[in-house]
């Protein structure tokens, strides 16, 4: 007999354009991140897993209505995206990469 429970809907992807000046907290990859719009089309992204020592990972700057350029804290341009999670993943990878 087939299962009759409703299937959960796919999770909606949070866009960078949805981040406001009020800090957004996200859990991803076992860590806690924050995203805060700082004005002029810029979103600051931090790793806040250790609340006593948040780590600035970088920023996303809006370059088109649906496109953001993501830069590491060292200023390296990593990718263009409209979605928050790919931006965080790229920033975390750049932060942990050997220098």
C-alpha atoms as a PDB file:
ATOM      1  CA  UNK A   1       0.000   0.000   0.000  1.00  0.00           C
ATOM      2  CA  UNK A   2       1.477   3.444  -0.912  1.00  0.00           C
ATOM      3  CA  UNK A   3       2.351   5.903   1.820  1.00  0.00           C
ATOM      4  CA  UNK A   4      -0.339   8.561   2.322  1.00  0.00           C
ATOM      5  CA  UNK A   5       1.545  11.115   4.419  1.00  0.00           C
ATOM      6  CA  UNK A   6       2.070  14.458   2.688  1.00  0.00           C
ATOM      7  CA  UNK A   7       5.577  14.996   1.397  1.00  0.00           C
ATOM      8  CA  UNK A   8       7.461  17.974   2.804  1.00  0.00           C
ATOM      9  CA  UNK A   9       7.935  20.810   0.376  1.00  0.00           C
ATOM     10  CA  UNK A  10      11.435  21.638  -0.699  1.00  0.00           C
ATOM     11  CA  UNK A  11      13.181  24.201   1.456  1.00  0.00           C
ATOM     12  CA  UNK A  12      13.118  27.688   0.001  1.00  0.00           C
ATOM     13  CA  UNK A  13      16.493  29.266  -0.705  1.00  0.00           C
ATOM     14  CA  UNK A  14      17.081  32.561   1.092  1.00  0.00           C
ATOM     15  CA  UNK A  15      18.268  35.273  -1.261  1.00  0.00           C
ATOM     16  CA  UNK A  16      20.871  37.894  -0.435  1.00  0.00           C
ATOM     17  CA  UNK A  17      18.325  40.575  -1.375  1.00  0.00           C
ATOM     18  CA  UNK A  18      16.125  39.382   1.518  1.00  0.00           C
ATOM     19  CA  UNK A  19      18.738  40.273   4.157  1.00  0.00           C
ATOM     20  CA  UNK A  20      17.880  43.484   6.006  1.00  0.00           C
ATOM     21  CA  UNK A  21      19.661  45.680   8.535  1.00  0.00           C
ATOM     22  CA  UNK A  22      18.285  43.330  11.178  1.00  0.00           C
ATOM     23  CA  UNK A  23      20.821  40.516  11.517  1.00  0.00           C
ATOM     24  CA  UNK A  24      19.720  37.205  10.033  1.00  0.00           C
ATOM     25  CA  UNK A  25      21.029  34.089  11.815  1.00  0.00           C
ATOM     26  CA  UNK A  26      21.503  30.871   9.824  1.00  0.00           C
ATOM     27  CA  UNK A  27      22.568  27.359  10.712  1.00  0.00           C
ATOM     28  CA  UNK A  28      24.480  25.686   7.916  1.00  0.00           C
ATOM     29  CA  UNK A  29      27.117  22.953   7.748  1.00  0.00           C
ATOM     30  CA  UNK A  30      27.070  22.626  11.572  1.00  0.00           C
ATOM     31  CA  UNK A  31      27.955  26.277  12.105  1.00  0.00           C
ATOM     32  CA  UNK A  32      26.066  29.480  12.847  1.00  0.00           C
ATOM     33  CA  UNK A  33      26.346  32.403  10.457  1.00  0.00           C
ATOM     34  CA  UNK A  34      25.059  35.968  10.456  1.00  0.00           C
ATOM     35  CA  UNK A  35      24.120  38.159   7.521  1.00  0.00           C
ATOM     36  CA  UNK A  36      23.453  41.878   7.937  1.00  0.00           C
ATOM     37  CA  UNK A  37      22.721  44.500   5.296  1.00  0.00           C
ATOM     38  CA  UNK A  38      25.039  47.421   5.980  1.00  0.00           C
ATOM     39  CA  UNK A  39      23.623  49.791   3.347  1.00  0.00           C
ATOM     40  CA  UNK A  40      24.501  50.729  -0.228  1.00  0.00           C
ATOM     41  CA  UNK A  41      23.731  47.207  -1.450  1.00  0.00           C
ATOM     42  CA  UNK A  42      26.263  45.442   0.804  1.00  0.00           C
ATOM     43  CA  UNK A  43      25.671  42.425   3.066  1.00  0.00           C
ATOM     44  CA  UNK A  44      28.269  41.546   5.725  1.00  0.00           C
ATOM     45  CA  UNK A  45      28.642  37.803   6.391  1.00  0.00           C
ATOM     46  CA  UNK A  46      30.192  36.370   9.566  1.00  0.00           C
ATOM     47  CA  UNK A  47      30.769  33.003  11.205  1.00  0.00           C
ATOM     48  CA  UNK A  48      29.168  33.392  14.653  1.00  0.00           C
ATOM     49  CA  UNK A  49      29.584  29.801  15.825  1.00  0.00           C
ATOM     50  CA  UNK A  50      31.698  31.082  18.736  1.00  0.00           C
ATOM     51  CA  UNK A  51      29.508  33.926  19.977  1.00  0.00           C
ATOM     52  CA  UNK A  52      32.398  35.394  21.964  1.00  0.00           C
ATOM     53  CA  UNK A  53      34.500  35.762  18.821  1.00  0.00           C
ATOM     54  CA  UNK A  54      32.551  36.149  15.566  1.00  0.00           C
ATOM     55  CA  UNK A  55      34.712  35.872  12.456  1.00  0.00           C
ATOM     56  CA  UNK A  56      34.041  38.269   9.552  1.00  0.00           C
ATOM     57  CA  UNK A  57      34.073  36.097   6.432  1.00  0.00           C
ATOM     58  CA  UNK A  58      33.444  38.746   3.803  1.00  0.00           C
ATOM     59  CA  UNK A  59      30.770  40.691   1.999  1.00  0.00           C
ATOM     60  CA  UNK A  60      28.322  40.447  -0.845  1.00  0.00           C
ATOM     61  CA  UNK A  61      27.795  43.564  -2.961  1.00  0.00           C
ATOM     62  CA  UNK A  62      24.821  43.903  -5.274  1.00  0.00           C
ATOM     63  CA  UNK A  63      25.997  44.356  -8.862  1.00  0.00           C
ATOM     64  CA  UNK A  64      22.655  43.828 -10.653  1.00  0.00           C
ATOM     65  CA  UNK A  65      19.034  43.444  -9.539  1.00  0.00           C
ATOM     66  CA  UNK A  66      19.424  39.659  -9.078  1.00  0.00           C
ATOM     67  CA  UNK A  67      23.200  39.279  -8.828  1.00  0.00           C
ATOM     68  CA  UNK A  68      25.683  39.787  -6.005  1.00  0.00           C
ATOM     69  CA  UNK A  69      29.502  39.707  -6.076  1.00  0.00           C
ATOM     70  CA  UNK A  70      30.846  37.818  -3.060  1.00  0.00           C
ATOM     71  CA  UNK A  71      34.249  38.896  -1.691  1.00  0.00           C
ATOM     72  CA  UNK A  72      36.322  37.268   1.039  1.00  0.00           C
ATOM     73  CA  UNK A  73      37.558  39.266   4.020  1.00  0.00           C
ATOM     74  CA  UNK A  74      40.901  39.495   2.176  1.00  0.00           C
ATOM     75  CA  UNK A  75      39.155  41.130  -0.789  1.00  0.00           C
ATOM     76  CA  UNK A  76      39.235  38.175  -3.187  1.00  0.00           C
ATOM     77  CA  UNK A  77      36.203  37.974  -5.478  1.00  0.00           C
ATOM     78  CA  UNK A  78      34.841  34.440  -5.102  1.00  0.00           C
ATOM     79  CA  UNK A  79      31.626  34.174  -7.119  1.00  0.00           C
ATOM     80  CA  UNK A  80      28.452  35.851  -8.325  1.00  0.00           C
ATOM     81  CA  UNK A  81      25.163  34.581  -6.889  1.00  0.00           C
ATOM     82  CA  UNK A  82      21.759  35.730  -5.706  1.00  0.00           C
ATOM     83  CA  UNK A  83      21.495  33.052  -2.983  1.00  0.00           C
ATOM     84  CA  UNK A  84      22.794  33.314   0.566  1.00  0.00           C
ATOM     85  CA  UNK A  85      23.848  29.692   1.156  1.00  0.00           C
ATOM     86  CA  UNK A  86      26.229  29.421  -1.835  1.00  0.00           C
ATOM     87  CA  UNK A  87      27.773  32.723  -0.718  1.00  0.00           C
ATOM     88  CA  UNK A  88      28.346  31.376   2.804  1.00  0.00           C
ATOM     89  CA  UNK A  89      29.760  28.095   1.501  1.00  0.00           C
ATOM     90  CA  UNK A  90      32.247  29.907  -0.755  1.00  0.00           C
ATOM     91  CA  UNK A  91      33.296  32.271   2.035  1.00  0.00           C
ATOM     92  CA  UNK A  92      33.773  29.448   4.532  1.00  0.00           C
ATOM     93  CA  UNK A  93      35.845  27.478   2.008  1.00  0.00           C
ATOM     94  CA  UNK A  94      38.002  30.537   1.277  1.00  0.00           C
ATOM     95  CA  UNK A  95      38.463  31.160   5.015  1.00  0.00           C
ATOM     96  CA  UNK A  96      39.616  27.600   5.730  1.00  0.00           C
ATOM     97  CA  UNK A  97      41.767  27.199   2.605  1.00  0.00           C
ATOM     98  CA  UNK A  98      45.521  27.082   3.217  1.00  0.00           C
ATOM     99  CA  UNK A  99      47.221  30.378   2.525  1.00  0.00           C
END
